[in-house]
Amino acid sequence: MHVPPFPALVAVAIGVLLLLRLAGGSMPWGQLMIAVGPDGRPMRPRVKWHLWTICRGEPPLMTAALGFVSIVLGLLALYFVGPELAEAIIHPVARWLVYLMLFTLGASGTIVPVGVIVLVRSGLDLAARRCSMVGVVVGMRRDVGLFGRTYRIAVQGGDRVMTKKLWAEAFRVNRTTFDTLRPGDRITIEYSPHLRYVYHMVMPEPLKKAVG
């Protein structure tokens, strides 16, 4: 039997890293800031921060490219490892080689469907119209991720921003935008409907806060 194709393992590793890059991988001990209501008491926004949701907040075009690359890498790994594993069943080889091929096969069988989902979601965003929202920044979160710090804001749309039944929408922003905003600022945001990527944001006037 031939030596198992280690390039297939490298391809799978690259595909996994690409998908982890899209996931962000924020740790759960981030710094959280919330807005204060008109009564002086802190608001308790209902928001899902989506710390590990894959490709959320990423540019649709870049996400589509990374999803396509991960699919290609996974299929290449399946193409090279599949025949080698079938031959290993007929002609027994070292156990560690079999484990290595099983791991590579399992990983490639995971990144391919995930890559397809990423590609489809980004394609829908590229074809769809942009969404817009006028709301209040009710929460801000700074986290440490696998690939550096991540910054998110929670925006609660509508006029009755103090209504507890309303859910706030989380968006990923860059550090410059994060440092400019403060909890309680009213902003206008333009974003993609599926990935929630922020295309454009109208920043608030200095010290302009929301009222009830």
N, C-alpha and C. Protein backbone atom coordinates (compact mmCIF):
# COMPACT_ATOMS: atom_id res chain seq x y z
N MET A 1 0.85 -1.21 0.00
CA MET A 1 0.00 0.00 0.00
C MET A 1 0.87 1.25 0.00
N HIS A 2 0.40 2.30 -0.62
CA HIS A 2 1.13 3.56 -0.66
C HIS A 2 0.98 4.30 0.68
N VAL A 3 1.90 5.18 0.93
CA VAL A 3 1.80 6.03 2.11
C VAL A 3 0.58 6.93 1.97
N PRO A 4 -0.24 7.09 3.00
CA PRO A 4 -1.45 7.91 2.88
C PRO A 4 -1.11 9.33 2.44
N PRO A 5 -1.95 9.92 1.66
CA PRO A 5 -1.68 11.26 1.12
C PRO A 5 -1.76 12.33 2.20
N PHE A 6 -0.63 12.69 2.76
CA PHE A 6 -0.60 13.73 3.78
C PHE A 6 -1.05 15.09 3.24
N PRO A 7 -0.86 15.38 1.95
CA PRO A 7 -1.44 16.63 1.45
C PRO A 7 -2.94 16.74 1.65
N ALA A 8 -3.64 15.59 1.66
CA ALA A 8 -5.08 15.63 1.92
C ALA A 8 -5.36 16.10 3.34
N LEU A 9 -4.53 15.67 4.29
CA LEU A 9 -4.68 16.12 5.67
C LEU A 9 -4.41 17.62 5.78
N VAL A 10 -3.43 18.09 5.05
CA VAL A 10 -3.14 19.52 5.04
C VAL A 10 -4.31 20.31 4.45
N ALA A 11 -4.91 19.77 3.38
CA ALA A 11 -6.05 20.44 2.75
C ALA A 11 -7.23 20.52 3.72
N VAL A 12 -7.46 19.43 4.46
CA VAL A 12 -8.55 19.44 5.44
C VAL A 12 -8.26 20.45 6.54
N ALA A 13 -7.01 20.50 7.00
CA ALA A 13 -6.66 21.45 8.05
C ALA A 13 -6.88 22.89 7.59
N ILE A 14 -6.52 23.19 6.35
CA ILE A 14 -6.74 24.54 5.82
C ILE A 14 -8.23 24.84 5.74
N GLY A 15 -9.01 23.85 5.27
CA GLY A 15 -10.45 24.05 5.20
C GLY A 15 -11.07 24.30 6.56
N VAL A 16 -10.62 23.58 7.58
CA VAL A 16 -11.12 23.78 8.94
C VAL A 16 -10.75 25.17 9.45
N LEU A 17 -9.53 25.61 9.17
CA LEU A 17 -9.10 26.94 9.60
C LEU A 17 -9.93 28.04 8.92
N LEU A 18 -10.26 27.83 7.67
CA LEU A 18 -11.08 28.82 6.96
C LEU A 18 -12.46 28.94 7.60
N LEU A 19 -13.04 27.78 7.93
CA LEU A 19 -14.37 27.81 8.55
C LEU A 19 -14.31 28.39 9.96
N LEU A 20 -13.22 28.10 10.70
CA LEU A 20 -13.06 28.70 12.02
C LEU A 20 -12.89 30.21 11.91
N ARG A 21 -12.23 30.64 10.85
CA ARG A 21 -12.10 32.09 10.63
C ARG A 21 -13.47 32.72 10.44
N LEU A 22 -14.36 32.04 9.74
CA LEU A 22 -15.71 32.57 9.55
C LEU A 22 -16.53 32.50 10.83
N ALA A 23 -16.24 31.51 11.66
CA ALA A 23 -16.99 31.39 12.91
C ALA A 23 -16.56 32.44 13.93
N GLY A 24 -15.31 32.87 13.87
CA GLY A 24 -14.83 33.87 14.81
C GLY A 24 -14.32 33.24 16.09
N GLY A 25 -15.15 32.43 16.73
CA GLY A 25 -14.72 31.72 17.92
C GLY A 25 -14.43 32.62 19.10
N SER A 26 -15.40 33.44 19.49
CA SER A 26 -15.20 34.33 20.62
C SER A 26 -15.33 33.57 21.93
N MET A 27 -14.48 33.92 22.88
CA MET A 27 -14.54 33.32 24.19
C MET A 27 -15.71 33.93 24.99
N PRO A 28 -16.26 33.19 25.97
CA PRO A 28 -17.48 33.65 26.65
C PRO A 28 -17.27 34.66 27.76
N TRP A 29 -16.04 35.16 27.96
CA TRP A 29 -15.80 36.08 29.06
C TRP A 29 -15.50 37.50 28.56
N GLY A 30 -16.24 37.95 27.58
CA GLY A 30 -16.01 39.28 27.02
C GLY A 30 -16.51 40.39 27.93
N GLN A 31 -16.14 41.61 27.58
CA GLN A 31 -16.56 42.80 28.30
C GLN A 31 -17.87 43.30 27.72
N LEU A 32 -18.87 43.50 28.58
CA LEU A 32 -20.21 43.88 28.14
C LEU A 32 -20.59 45.22 28.73
N MET A 33 -21.13 46.10 27.89
CA MET A 33 -21.66 47.39 28.33
C MET A 33 -23.10 47.48 27.87
N ILE A 34 -23.99 47.97 28.74
CA ILE A 34 -25.40 48.09 28.40
C ILE A 34 -25.85 49.53 28.62
N ALA A 35 -26.96 49.89 27.95
CA ALA A 35 -27.48 51.25 28.02
C ALA A 35 -28.26 51.45 29.32
N VAL A 36 -28.40 52.74 29.68
CA VAL A 36 -29.17 53.13 30.86
C VAL A 36 -30.46 53.77 30.39
N GLY A 37 -31.58 53.37 30.99
CA GLY A 37 -32.87 53.90 30.60
C GLY A 37 -33.14 55.28 31.17
N PRO A 38 -34.27 55.88 30.79
CA PRO A 38 -34.61 57.21 31.29
C PRO A 38 -34.76 57.28 32.81
N ASP A 39 -35.09 56.14 33.42
CA ASP A 39 -35.25 56.12 34.88
C ASP A 39 -33.92 55.96 35.60
N GLY A 40 -32.83 55.91 34.85
CA GLY A 40 -31.52 55.78 35.48
C GLY A 40 -31.12 54.35 35.77
N ARG A 41 -31.97 53.39 35.47
CA ARG A 41 -31.66 51.99 35.73
C ARG A 41 -31.11 51.35 34.46
N PRO A 42 -30.17 50.41 34.58
CA PRO A 42 -29.60 49.75 33.39
C PRO A 42 -30.67 48.97 32.64
N MET A 43 -30.63 49.06 31.32
CA MET A 43 -31.52 48.28 30.48
C MET A 43 -31.05 46.83 30.46
N ARG A 44 -31.97 45.93 30.31
CA ARG A 44 -31.65 44.50 30.22
C ARG A 44 -32.07 44.02 28.84
N PRO A 45 -31.27 44.29 27.82
CA PRO A 45 -31.68 43.94 26.46
C PRO A 45 -31.72 42.43 26.25
N ARG A 46 -32.70 41.99 25.50
CA ARG A 46 -32.80 40.59 25.10
C ARG A 46 -32.11 40.45 23.76
N VAL A 47 -30.96 39.83 23.77
CA VAL A 47 -30.15 39.76 22.55
C VAL A 47 -29.36 38.46 22.54
N LYS A 48 -29.24 37.87 21.35
CA LYS A 48 -28.39 36.72 21.13
C LYS A 48 -27.13 37.22 20.43
N TRP A 49 -25.99 37.06 21.08
CA TRP A 49 -24.74 37.62 20.55
C TRP A 49 -24.13 36.78 19.44
N HIS A 50 -24.51 35.52 19.32
CA HIS A 50 -24.02 34.65 18.24
C HIS A 50 -22.49 34.60 18.22
N LEU A 51 -21.91 34.23 19.34
CA LEU A 51 -20.45 34.26 19.46
C LEU A 51 -19.78 33.22 18.57
N TRP A 52 -20.45 32.12 18.28
CA TRP A 52 -19.84 31.06 17.47
C TRP A 52 -20.65 30.76 16.21
N THR A 53 -21.55 31.63 15.81
CA THR A 53 -22.32 31.41 14.60
C THR A 53 -21.43 31.64 13.38
N ILE A 54 -21.36 30.66 12.52
CA ILE A 54 -20.42 30.72 11.40
C ILE A 54 -20.86 31.76 10.38
N CYS A 55 -19.90 32.51 9.90
CA CYS A 55 -19.98 33.52 8.84
C CYS A 55 -20.91 34.69 9.16
N ARG A 56 -21.38 34.82 10.37
CA ARG A 56 -22.24 35.95 10.73
C ARG A 56 -21.40 37.21 10.89
N GLY A 57 -21.78 38.26 10.20
CA GLY A 57 -21.05 39.51 10.27
C GLY A 57 -19.91 39.63 9.29
N GLU A 58 -19.70 38.61 8.45
CA GLU A 58 -18.62 38.64 7.48
C GLU A 58 -19.11 39.17 6.13
N PRO A 59 -18.23 39.77 5.33
CA PRO A 59 -18.63 40.24 4.00
C PRO A 59 -19.11 39.08 3.13
N PRO A 60 -20.25 39.22 2.45
CA PRO A 60 -20.79 38.12 1.65
C PRO A 60 -19.85 37.62 0.57
N LEU A 61 -19.16 38.51 -0.12
CA LEU A 61 -18.27 38.09 -1.20
C LEU A 61 -17.09 37.28 -0.66
N MET A 62 -16.48 37.74 0.41
CA MET A 62 -15.38 36.99 1.01
C MET A 62 -15.86 35.66 1.57
N THR A 63 -17.06 35.66 2.17
CA THR A 63 -17.61 34.42 2.71
C THR A 63 -17.87 33.41 1.61
N ALA A 64 -18.39 33.86 0.48
CA ALA A 64 -18.62 32.96 -0.64
C ALA A 64 -17.32 32.35 -1.14
N ALA A 65 -16.26 33.17 -1.23
CA ALA A 65 -14.97 32.67 -1.68
C ALA A 65 -14.40 31.63 -0.72
N LEU A 66 -14.45 31.91 0.58
CA LEU A 66 -13.93 30.96 1.56
C LEU A 66 -14.76 29.68 1.61
N GLY A 67 -16.08 29.82 1.46
CA GLY A 67 -16.92 28.62 1.42
C GLY A 67 -16.61 27.75 0.21
N PHE A 68 -16.39 28.38 -0.95
CA PHE A 68 -16.05 27.62 -2.15
C PHE A 68 -14.70 26.93 -2.00
N VAL A 69 -13.72 27.62 -1.44
CA VAL A 69 -12.39 27.02 -1.26
C VAL A 69 -12.46 25.84 -0.30
N SER A 70 -13.23 25.97 0.78
CA SER A 70 -13.34 24.86 1.73
C SER A 70 -14.02 23.65 1.10
N ILE A 71 -14.99 23.88 0.22
CA ILE A 71 -15.63 22.77 -0.49
C ILE A 71 -14.63 22.05 -1.38
N VAL A 72 -13.84 22.82 -2.13
CA VAL A 72 -12.84 22.22 -3.02
C VAL A 72 -11.81 21.42 -2.23
N LEU A 73 -11.34 21.97 -1.12
CA LEU A 73 -10.34 21.27 -0.30
C LEU A 73 -10.92 19.98 0.28
N GLY A 74 -12.16 20.05 0.74
CA GLY A 74 -12.79 18.84 1.29
C GLY A 74 -12.98 17.76 0.24
N LEU A 75 -13.39 18.14 -0.96
CA LEU A 75 -13.58 17.17 -2.03
C LEU A 75 -12.25 16.56 -2.47
N LEU A 76 -11.20 17.36 -2.50
CA LEU A 76 -9.89 16.83 -2.83
C LEU A 76 -9.43 15.81 -1.80
N ALA A 77 -9.68 16.11 -0.53
CA ALA A 77 -9.30 15.16 0.52
C ALA A 77 -10.08 13.86 0.39
N LEU A 78 -11.38 13.96 0.10
CA LEU A 78 -12.17 12.76 -0.11
C LEU A 78 -11.67 11.95 -1.30
N TYR A 79 -11.27 12.65 -2.34
CA TYR A 79 -10.80 11.98 -3.56
C TYR A 79 -9.51 11.20 -3.30
N PHE A 80 -8.61 11.76 -2.54
CA PHE A 80 -7.33 11.10 -2.30
C PHE A 80 -7.39 10.05 -1.19
N VAL A 81 -8.16 10.33 -0.14
CA VAL A 81 -8.15 9.43 1.02
C VAL A 81 -9.10 8.25 0.83
N GLY A 82 -10.22 8.47 0.12
CA GLY A 82 -11.19 7.39 -0.04
C GLY A 82 -10.60 6.11 -0.60
N PRO A 83 -9.93 6.14 -1.75
CA PRO A 83 -9.33 4.90 -2.29
C PRO A 83 -8.29 4.28 -1.38
N GLU A 84 -7.49 5.12 -0.71
CA GLU A 84 -6.47 4.59 0.20
C GLU A 84 -7.11 3.87 1.38
N LEU A 85 -8.20 4.40 1.90
CA LEU A 85 -8.87 3.74 3.01
C LEU A 85 -9.52 2.44 2.57
N ALA A 86 -10.08 2.41 1.38
CA ALA A 86 -10.65 1.17 0.87
C ALA A 86 -9.58 0.10 0.70
N GLU A 87 -8.40 0.50 0.24
CA GLU A 87 -7.31 -0.47 0.10
C GLU A 87 -6.81 -0.95 1.45
N ALA A 88 -6.88 -0.08 2.46
CA ALA A 88 -6.43 -0.47 3.80
C ALA A 88 -7.33 -1.55 4.40
N ILE A 89 -8.61 -1.56 3.99
CA ILE A 89 -9.51 -2.59 4.49
C ILE A 89 -9.13 -3.96 3.92
N ILE A 90 -8.70 -3.96 2.66
CA ILE A 90 -8.33 -5.23 2.02
C ILE A 90 -6.94 -5.67 2.44
N HIS A 91 -6.02 -4.73 2.48
CA HIS A 91 -4.64 -5.03 2.87
C HIS A 91 -4.32 -4.25 4.15
N PRO A 92 -4.41 -4.94 5.29
CA PRO A 92 -4.20 -4.26 6.59
C PRO A 92 -2.83 -3.56 6.64
N VAL A 93 -2.85 -2.38 7.26
CA VAL A 93 -1.64 -1.58 7.42
C VAL A 93 -1.56 -1.14 8.87
N ALA A 94 -0.59 -0.31 9.15
CA ALA A 94 -0.41 0.20 10.51
C ALA A 94 -1.69 0.90 10.98
N ARG A 95 -2.00 0.68 12.26
CA ARG A 95 -3.25 1.20 12.79
C ARG A 95 -3.28 2.73 12.78
N TRP A 96 -2.15 3.35 13.05
CA TRP A 96 -2.14 4.81 13.12
C TRP A 96 -2.44 5.45 11.75
N LEU A 97 -2.04 4.71 10.67
CA LEU A 97 -2.36 5.20 9.34
C LEU A 97 -3.85 5.14 9.07
N VAL A 98 -4.48 4.08 9.54
CA VAL A 98 -5.92 3.95 9.37
C VAL A 98 -6.66 5.04 10.14
N TYR A 99 -6.20 5.28 11.38
CA TYR A 99 -6.82 6.34 12.18
C TYR A 99 -6.65 7.70 11.52
N LEU A 100 -5.48 7.92 10.96
CA LEU A 100 -5.22 9.19 10.30
C LEU A 100 -6.15 9.38 9.10
N MET A 101 -6.34 8.32 8.32
CA MET A 101 -7.22 8.41 7.16
C MET A 101 -8.67 8.59 7.57
N LEU A 102 -9.08 7.89 8.66
CA LEU A 102 -10.46 8.05 9.14
C LEU A 102 -10.71 9.47 9.63
N PHE A 103 -9.73 10.04 10.32
CA PHE A 103 -9.87 11.42 10.78
C PHE A 103 -9.97 12.38 9.59
N THR A 104 -9.11 12.19 8.61
CA THR A 104 -9.13 13.05 7.43
C THR A 104 -10.45 12.92 6.69
N LEU A 105 -10.94 11.69 6.57
CA LEU A 105 -12.20 11.46 5.87
C LEU A 105 -13.37 12.09 6.62
N GLY A 106 -13.37 11.93 7.94
CA GLY A 106 -14.45 12.52 8.72
C GLY A 106 -14.44 14.04 8.69
N ALA A 107 -13.24 14.62 8.78
CA ALA A 107 -13.14 16.08 8.75
C ALA A 107 -13.57 16.63 7.39
N SER A 108 -13.15 15.98 6.32
CA SER A 108 -13.54 16.45 4.99
C SER A 108 -15.03 16.27 4.77
N GLY A 109 -15.61 15.21 5.34
CA GLY A 109 -17.05 15.02 5.24
C GLY A 109 -17.85 16.04 6.03
N THR A 110 -17.17 16.78 6.90
CA THR A 110 -17.83 17.84 7.67
C THR A 110 -17.70 19.19 7.00
N ILE A 111 -16.50 19.50 6.50
CA ILE A 111 -16.29 20.84 5.94
C ILE A 111 -16.99 21.02 4.60
N VAL A 112 -17.23 19.93 3.89
CA VAL A 112 -17.92 20.07 2.60
C VAL A 112 -19.36 20.55 2.78
N PRO A 113 -20.20 19.89 3.60
CA PRO A 113 -21.56 20.41 3.77
C PRO A 113 -21.61 21.78 4.44
N VAL A 114 -20.70 22.03 5.38
CA VAL A 114 -20.67 23.35 6.01
C VAL A 114 -20.27 24.41 4.99
N GLY A 115 -19.32 24.07 4.14
CA GLY A 115 -18.93 25.00 3.08
C GLY A 115 -20.08 25.28 2.12
N VAL A 116 -20.89 24.26 1.85
CA VAL A 116 -22.06 24.47 0.97
C VAL A 116 -23.05 25.43 1.63
N ILE A 117 -23.29 25.25 2.92
CA ILE A 117 -24.20 26.15 3.64
C ILE A 117 -23.68 27.58 3.60
N VAL A 118 -22.38 27.74 3.84
CA VAL A 118 -21.77 29.07 3.82
C VAL A 118 -21.91 29.70 2.43
N LEU A 119 -21.65 28.90 1.40
CA LEU A 119 -21.74 29.41 0.04
C LEU A 119 -23.16 29.82 -0.31
N VAL A 120 -24.14 29.03 0.11
CA VAL A 120 -25.54 29.34 -0.19
C VAL A 120 -25.97 30.62 0.53
N ARG A 121 -25.64 30.74 1.82
CA ARG A 121 -26.05 31.91 2.58
C ARG A 121 -25.42 33.19 2.03
N SER A 122 -24.15 33.12 1.68
CA SER A 122 -23.49 34.30 1.12
C SER A 122 -24.05 34.63 -0.26
N GLY A 123 -24.38 33.59 -1.05
CA GLY A 123 -25.00 33.83 -2.36
C GLY A 123 -26.36 34.50 -2.23
N LEU A 124 -27.13 34.11 -1.24
CA LEU A 124 -28.43 34.75 -1.01
C LEU A 124 -28.26 36.22 -0.64
N ASP A 125 -27.23 36.51 0.14
CA ASP A 125 -26.99 37.90 0.51
C ASP A 125 -26.54 38.74 -0.68
N LEU A 126 -25.73 38.14 -1.55
CA LEU A 126 -25.27 38.87 -2.72
C LEU A 126 -26.43 39.18 -3.67
N ALA A 127 -27.43 38.32 -3.69
CA ALA A 127 -28.57 38.52 -4.59
C ALA A 127 -29.70 39.31 -3.97
N ALA A 128 -29.72 39.43 -2.65
CA ALA A 128 -30.84 40.06 -1.96
C ALA A 128 -30.61 41.57 -1.81
N ARG A 129 -31.69 42.25 -1.50
CA ARG A 129 -31.61 43.67 -1.20
C ARG A 129 -31.09 43.88 0.21
N ARG A 130 -30.46 45.00 0.41
CA ARG A 130 -29.95 45.33 1.73
C ARG A 130 -31.09 45.74 2.66
N CYS A 131 -30.94 45.39 3.93
CA CYS A 131 -31.91 45.79 4.93
C CYS A 131 -31.42 47.02 5.67
N SER A 132 -32.33 47.73 6.29
CA SER A 132 -31.96 48.91 7.07
C SER A 132 -32.75 48.93 8.37
N MET A 133 -32.17 49.58 9.37
CA MET A 133 -32.79 49.65 10.68
C MET A 133 -32.39 50.95 11.36
N VAL A 134 -33.37 51.57 11.99
CA VAL A 134 -33.11 52.72 12.86
C VAL A 134 -33.39 52.28 14.28
N GLY A 135 -32.41 52.35 15.12
CA GLY A 135 -32.60 51.85 16.47
C GLY A 135 -31.59 52.42 17.44
N VAL A 136 -31.61 51.88 18.63
CA VAL A 136 -30.76 52.35 19.72
C VAL A 136 -29.77 51.26 20.10
N VAL A 137 -28.55 51.66 20.33
CA VAL A 137 -27.52 50.74 20.80
C VAL A 137 -27.80 50.44 22.27
N VAL A 138 -28.27 49.24 22.54
CA VAL A 138 -28.62 48.86 23.91
C VAL A 138 -27.55 48.02 24.57
N GLY A 139 -26.57 47.57 23.80
CA GLY A 139 -25.50 46.78 24.38
C GLY A 139 -24.29 46.78 23.48
N MET A 140 -23.11 46.66 24.09
CA MET A 140 -21.85 46.58 23.35
C MET A 140 -20.99 45.51 24.00
N ARG A 141 -20.34 44.72 23.15
CA ARG A 141 -19.57 43.59 23.67
C ARG A 141 -18.23 43.50 22.97
N ARG A 142 -17.17 43.38 23.76
CA ARG A 142 -15.81 43.19 23.27
C ARG A 142 -15.31 41.83 23.73
N ASP A 143 -14.90 40.98 22.78
CA ASP A 143 -14.49 39.62 23.10
C ASP A 143 -13.12 39.31 22.52
N VAL A 144 -12.50 38.30 23.09
CA VAL A 144 -11.24 37.76 22.56
C VAL A 144 -11.57 36.51 21.77
N GLY A 145 -11.26 36.52 20.47
CA GLY A 145 -11.56 35.39 19.60
C GLY A 145 -10.32 34.61 19.23
N LEU A 146 -10.50 33.58 18.42
CA LEU A 146 -9.39 32.76 17.98
C LEU A 146 -8.45 33.52 17.05
N PHE A 147 -8.96 34.54 16.36
CA PHE A 147 -8.17 35.29 15.40
C PHE A 147 -8.14 36.77 15.77
N GLY A 148 -8.08 37.07 17.05
CA GLY A 148 -8.02 38.44 17.50
C GLY A 148 -9.32 38.87 18.18
N ARG A 149 -9.38 40.12 18.54
CA ARG A 149 -10.56 40.65 19.22
C ARG A 149 -11.73 40.84 18.25
N THR A 150 -12.92 40.66 18.77
CA THR A 150 -14.14 40.90 18.01
C THR A 150 -14.98 41.93 18.77
N TYR A 151 -15.71 42.73 18.00
CA TYR A 151 -16.52 43.80 18.57
C TYR A 151 -17.94 43.69 18.03
N ARG A 152 -18.90 43.72 18.94
CA ARG A 152 -20.31 43.60 18.57
C ARG A 152 -21.14 44.64 19.28
N ILE A 153 -22.21 45.05 18.62
CA ILE A 153 -23.19 45.95 19.22
C ILE A 153 -24.57 45.33 19.09
N ALA A 154 -25.42 45.62 20.04
CA ALA A 154 -26.81 45.18 20.01
C ALA A 154 -27.69 46.39 19.74
N VAL A 155 -28.47 46.33 18.67
CA VAL A 155 -29.32 47.44 18.26
C VAL A 155 -30.78 47.01 18.38
N GLN A 156 -31.55 47.82 19.09
CA GLN A 156 -32.97 47.54 19.26
C GLN A 156 -33.76 48.53 18.42
N GLY A 157 -34.46 48.02 17.41
CA GLY A 157 -35.20 48.87 16.50
C GLY A 157 -36.55 49.28 17.04
N GLY A 158 -37.18 50.21 16.34
CA GLY A 158 -38.51 50.68 16.72
C GLY A 158 -38.47 51.90 17.61
N ASP A 159 -39.65 52.48 17.81
CA ASP A 159 -39.75 53.67 18.64
C ASP A 159 -39.81 53.35 20.13
N ARG A 160 -40.49 52.26 20.44
CA ARG A 160 -40.62 51.90 21.86
C ARG A 160 -39.43 51.03 22.25
N VAL A 161 -38.31 51.67 22.35
CA VAL A 161 -37.06 50.94 22.58
C VAL A 161 -36.97 50.35 23.98
N MET A 162 -37.81 50.81 24.87
CA MET A 162 -37.74 50.31 26.24
C MET A 162 -38.65 49.10 26.45
N THR A 163 -39.37 48.69 25.43
CA THR A 163 -40.27 47.54 25.57
C THR A 163 -39.46 46.26 25.79
N LYS A 164 -39.72 45.58 26.85
CA LYS A 164 -38.92 44.42 27.21
C LYS A 164 -39.16 43.24 26.28
N LYS A 165 -40.29 43.22 25.58
CA LYS A 165 -40.59 42.09 24.71
C LYS A 165 -39.82 42.13 23.39
N LEU A 166 -39.21 43.28 23.07
CA LEU A 166 -38.49 43.39 21.81
C LEU A 166 -37.09 42.81 21.95
N TRP A 167 -36.69 42.05 20.93
CA TRP A 167 -35.34 41.50 20.89
C TRP A 167 -34.42 42.46 20.15
N ALA A 168 -33.22 42.61 20.64
CA ALA A 168 -32.22 43.43 19.97
C ALA A 168 -31.44 42.56 18.97
N GLU A 169 -30.94 43.19 17.92
CA GLU A 169 -30.19 42.50 16.88
C GLU A 169 -28.71 42.78 17.07
N ALA A 170 -27.90 41.72 17.03
CA ALA A 170 -26.45 41.86 17.23
C ALA A 170 -25.75 42.00 15.89
N PHE A 171 -24.80 42.93 15.82
CA PHE A 171 -24.01 43.16 14.62
C PHE A 171 -22.53 43.22 15.00
N ARG A 172 -21.71 42.68 14.12
CA ARG A 172 -20.27 42.78 14.31
C ARG A 172 -19.75 44.04 13.63
N VAL A 173 -18.94 44.80 14.33
CA VAL A 173 -18.38 46.04 13.80
C VAL A 173 -16.88 46.04 14.01
N ASN A 174 -16.21 47.01 13.38
CA ASN A 174 -14.76 47.12 13.57
C ASN A 174 -14.48 47.94 14.83
N ARG A 175 -13.21 48.00 15.18
CA ARG A 175 -12.84 48.66 16.43
C ARG A 175 -13.11 50.16 16.39
N THR A 176 -12.87 50.79 15.23
CA THR A 176 -13.10 52.22 15.12
C THR A 176 -14.56 52.57 15.39
N THR A 177 -15.47 51.82 14.79
CA THR A 177 -16.90 52.04 15.02
C THR A 177 -17.27 51.76 16.46
N PHE A 178 -16.70 50.71 17.01
CA PHE A 178 -17.00 50.33 18.39
C PHE A 178 -16.57 51.43 19.36
N ASP A 179 -15.40 52.00 19.15
CA ASP A 179 -14.90 53.05 20.04
C ASP A 179 -15.70 54.34 19.89
N THR A 180 -16.32 54.54 18.73
CA THR A 180 -17.09 55.76 18.51
C THR A 180 -18.45 55.70 19.19
N LEU A 181 -19.05 54.52 19.22
CA LEU A 181 -20.40 54.38 19.77
C LEU A 181 -20.40 54.28 21.29
N ARG A 182 -21.55 54.59 21.85
CA ARG A 182 -21.80 54.44 23.28
C ARG A 182 -23.19 53.85 23.48
N PRO A 183 -23.40 53.07 24.52
CA PRO A 183 -24.75 52.56 24.79
C PRO A 183 -25.74 53.70 24.95
N GLY A 184 -26.86 53.60 24.23
CA GLY A 184 -27.86 54.64 24.24
C GLY A 184 -27.87 55.48 22.99
N ASP A 185 -26.86 55.35 22.13
CA ASP A 185 -26.82 56.11 20.88
C ASP A 185 -27.86 55.57 19.90
N ARG A 186 -28.50 56.50 19.18
CA ARG A 186 -29.44 56.10 18.13
C ARG A 186 -28.71 56.15 16.79
N ILE A 187 -28.78 55.05 16.04
CA ILE A 187 -28.05 54.95 14.79
C ILE A 187 -28.96 54.42 13.69
N THR A 188 -28.52 54.61 12.47
CA THR A 188 -29.15 54.00 11.30
C THR A 188 -28.14 53.05 10.68
N ILE A 189 -28.56 51.82 10.48
CA ILE A 189 -27.64 50.79 10.03
C ILE A 189 -28.19 50.09 8.79
N GLU A 190 -27.31 49.83 7.83
CA GLU A 190 -27.65 49.10 6.61
C GLU A 190 -26.86 47.81 6.59
N TYR A 191 -27.55 46.68 6.42
CA TYR A 191 -26.89 45.38 6.58
C TYR A 191 -27.49 44.36 5.63
N SER A 192 -26.78 43.23 5.51
CA SER A 192 -27.25 42.14 4.66
C SER A 192 -28.26 41.29 5.44
N PRO A 193 -29.25 40.71 4.77
CA PRO A 193 -30.34 40.04 5.49
C PRO A 193 -29.97 38.72 6.15
N HIS A 194 -29.00 38.00 5.64
CA HIS A 194 -28.69 36.68 6.17
C HIS A 194 -27.43 36.67 7.04
N LEU A 195 -26.35 37.24 6.56
CA LEU A 195 -25.10 37.24 7.30
C LEU A 195 -25.02 38.39 8.30
N ARG A 196 -25.93 39.33 8.19
CA ARG A 196 -25.93 40.51 9.07
C ARG A 196 -24.62 41.28 8.97
N TYR A 197 -24.09 41.37 7.76
CA TYR A 197 -22.88 42.16 7.54
C TYR A 197 -23.26 43.64 7.41
N VAL A 198 -22.57 44.50 8.14
CA VAL A 198 -22.88 45.92 8.14
C VAL A 198 -22.21 46.59 6.94
N TYR A 199 -23.03 47.07 6.01
CA TYR A 199 -22.51 47.80 4.86
C TYR A 199 -22.25 49.27 5.20
N HIS A 200 -23.19 49.85 5.89
CA HIS A 200 -23.09 51.29 6.15
C HIS A 200 -23.80 51.59 7.46
N MET A 201 -23.27 52.57 8.18
CA MET A 201 -23.87 52.98 9.45
C MET A 201 -23.78 54.49 9.58
N VAL A 202 -24.92 55.10 9.91
CA VAL A 202 -24.96 56.54 10.17
C VAL A 202 -24.70 56.73 11.66
N MET A 203 -23.58 57.35 11.96
CA MET A 203 -23.17 57.51 13.35
C MET A 203 -24.01 58.58 14.03
N PRO A 204 -24.16 58.50 15.34
CA PRO A 204 -24.98 59.47 16.09
C PRO A 204 -24.23 60.79 16.29
N GLU A 205 -25.01 61.80 16.63
CA GLU A 205 -24.39 63.05 17.02
C GLU A 205 -23.77 62.88 18.41
N PRO A 206 -22.74 63.61 18.73
CA PRO A 206 -22.10 63.47 20.03
C PRO A 206 -23.07 63.68 21.18
N LEU A 207 -23.02 62.72 22.11
CA LEU A 207 -23.81 62.79 23.34
C LEU A 207 -25.31 62.76 23.09
N LYS A 208 -25.72 62.29 21.91
CA LYS A 208 -27.16 62.19 21.64
C LYS A 208 -27.66 60.85 22.10
N LYS A 209 -28.55 60.83 23.05
CA LYS A 209 -29.04 59.61 23.64
C LYS A 209 -30.51 59.40 23.31
N ALA A 210 -30.94 58.15 23.46
CA ALA A 210 -32.33 57.83 23.16
C ALA A 210 -33.25 58.24 24.31
N VAL A 211 -34.45 58.57 23.94
CA VAL A 211 -35.46 58.89 24.95
C VAL A 211 -36.57 57.88 24.84
N GLY A 212 -37.39 57.77 25.85
CA GLY A 212 -38.44 56.77 25.86
C GLY A 212 -39.56 57.10 24.91
